[in-house]
């Protein structure tokens, strides 16, 4: 079960980074204020970092 959680967290973290990159590339086209868009992008990247760290720690603890 921990293996599934670890791999899933890593995959979701990678997907979150990809989505954040796409959102950041389209930042100037957004109708929301720039500061809120930057806060959303930073929060999304922080969540992705948390998921990646959690996934790696879970997989390492299986050894």
Protein backbone atom coordinates (compact mmCIF):
# COMPACT_ATOMS: atom_id res chain seq x y z
CA UNK A 1 0.00 0.00 0.00
CA UNK A 2 2.86 2.40 0.80
CA UNK A 3 4.34 1.65 -2.61
CA UNK A 4 1.13 2.80 -4.30
CA UNK A 5 0.99 5.96 -2.15
CA UNK A 6 4.65 6.77 -2.86
CA UNK A 7 4.41 6.34 -6.61
CA UNK A 8 1.05 8.11 -6.73
CA UNK A 9 2.38 11.10 -4.77
CA UNK A 10 5.37 11.40 -7.10
CA UNK A 11 3.19 11.21 -10.21
CA UNK A 12 0.72 13.78 -8.87
CA UNK A 13 3.64 16.04 -7.90
CA UNK A 14 5.07 15.86 -11.42
CA UNK A 15 1.62 16.56 -12.90
CA UNK A 16 1.21 19.52 -10.54
CA UNK A 17 4.54 20.99 -11.71
CA UNK A 18 3.45 20.58 -15.35
CA UNK A 19 0.11 22.30 -14.68
CA UNK A 20 1.85 25.11 -12.80
CA UNK A 21 4.24 25.63 -15.71
CA UNK A 22 1.33 25.87 -18.15
CA UNK A 23 -0.47 28.30 -15.86
CA UNK A 24 2.68 30.39 -15.46
CA UNK A 25 3.17 30.54 -19.24
CA UNK A 26 -0.39 31.86 -19.66
CA UNK A 27 -0.12 34.29 -16.74
CA UNK A 28 -0.35 37.43 -18.87
CA UNK A 29 -3.54 36.19 -20.54
CA UNK A 30 -5.32 35.61 -17.21
CA UNK A 31 -8.14 37.91 -16.20
CA UNK A 32 -7.27 37.66 -12.49
CA UNK A 33 -4.90 40.18 -10.87
CA UNK A 34 -1.23 39.31 -11.25
CA UNK A 35 -0.52 39.04 -7.51
CA UNK A 36 -3.27 36.45 -7.01
CA UNK A 37 -2.08 34.46 -10.01
CA UNK A 38 1.47 34.43 -8.63
CA UNK A 39 0.22 33.35 -5.19
CA UNK A 40 -1.74 30.50 -6.81
CA UNK A 41 1.29 29.41 -8.83
CA UNK A 42 3.59 29.48 -5.80
CA UNK A 43 1.07 27.55 -3.69
CA UNK A 44 0.73 24.97 -6.46
CA UNK A 45 4.51 24.53 -6.68
CA UNK A 46 4.77 24.24 -2.90
CA UNK A 47 2.13 21.50 -2.93
CA UNK A 48 4.02 19.73 -5.72
CA UNK A 49 7.25 19.91 -3.71
CA UNK A 50 5.47 18.46 -0.67
CA UNK A 51 4.08 15.59 -2.75
CA UNK A 52 7.46 14.81 -4.29
CA UNK A 53 9.21 14.80 -0.92
CA UNK A 54 6.46 12.68 0.63
CA UNK A 55 6.59 10.21 -2.27
CA UNK A 56 10.37 9.83 -2.12
CA UNK A 57 10.37 9.43 1.67
CA UNK A 58 7.64 6.80 1.42
CA UNK A 59 9.56 4.83 -1.19
CA UNK A 60 12.83 5.10 0.73
CA UNK A 61 11.17 3.86 3.91
CA UNK A 62 10.20 0.64 2.10
CA UNK A 63 13.85 -0.44 1.83
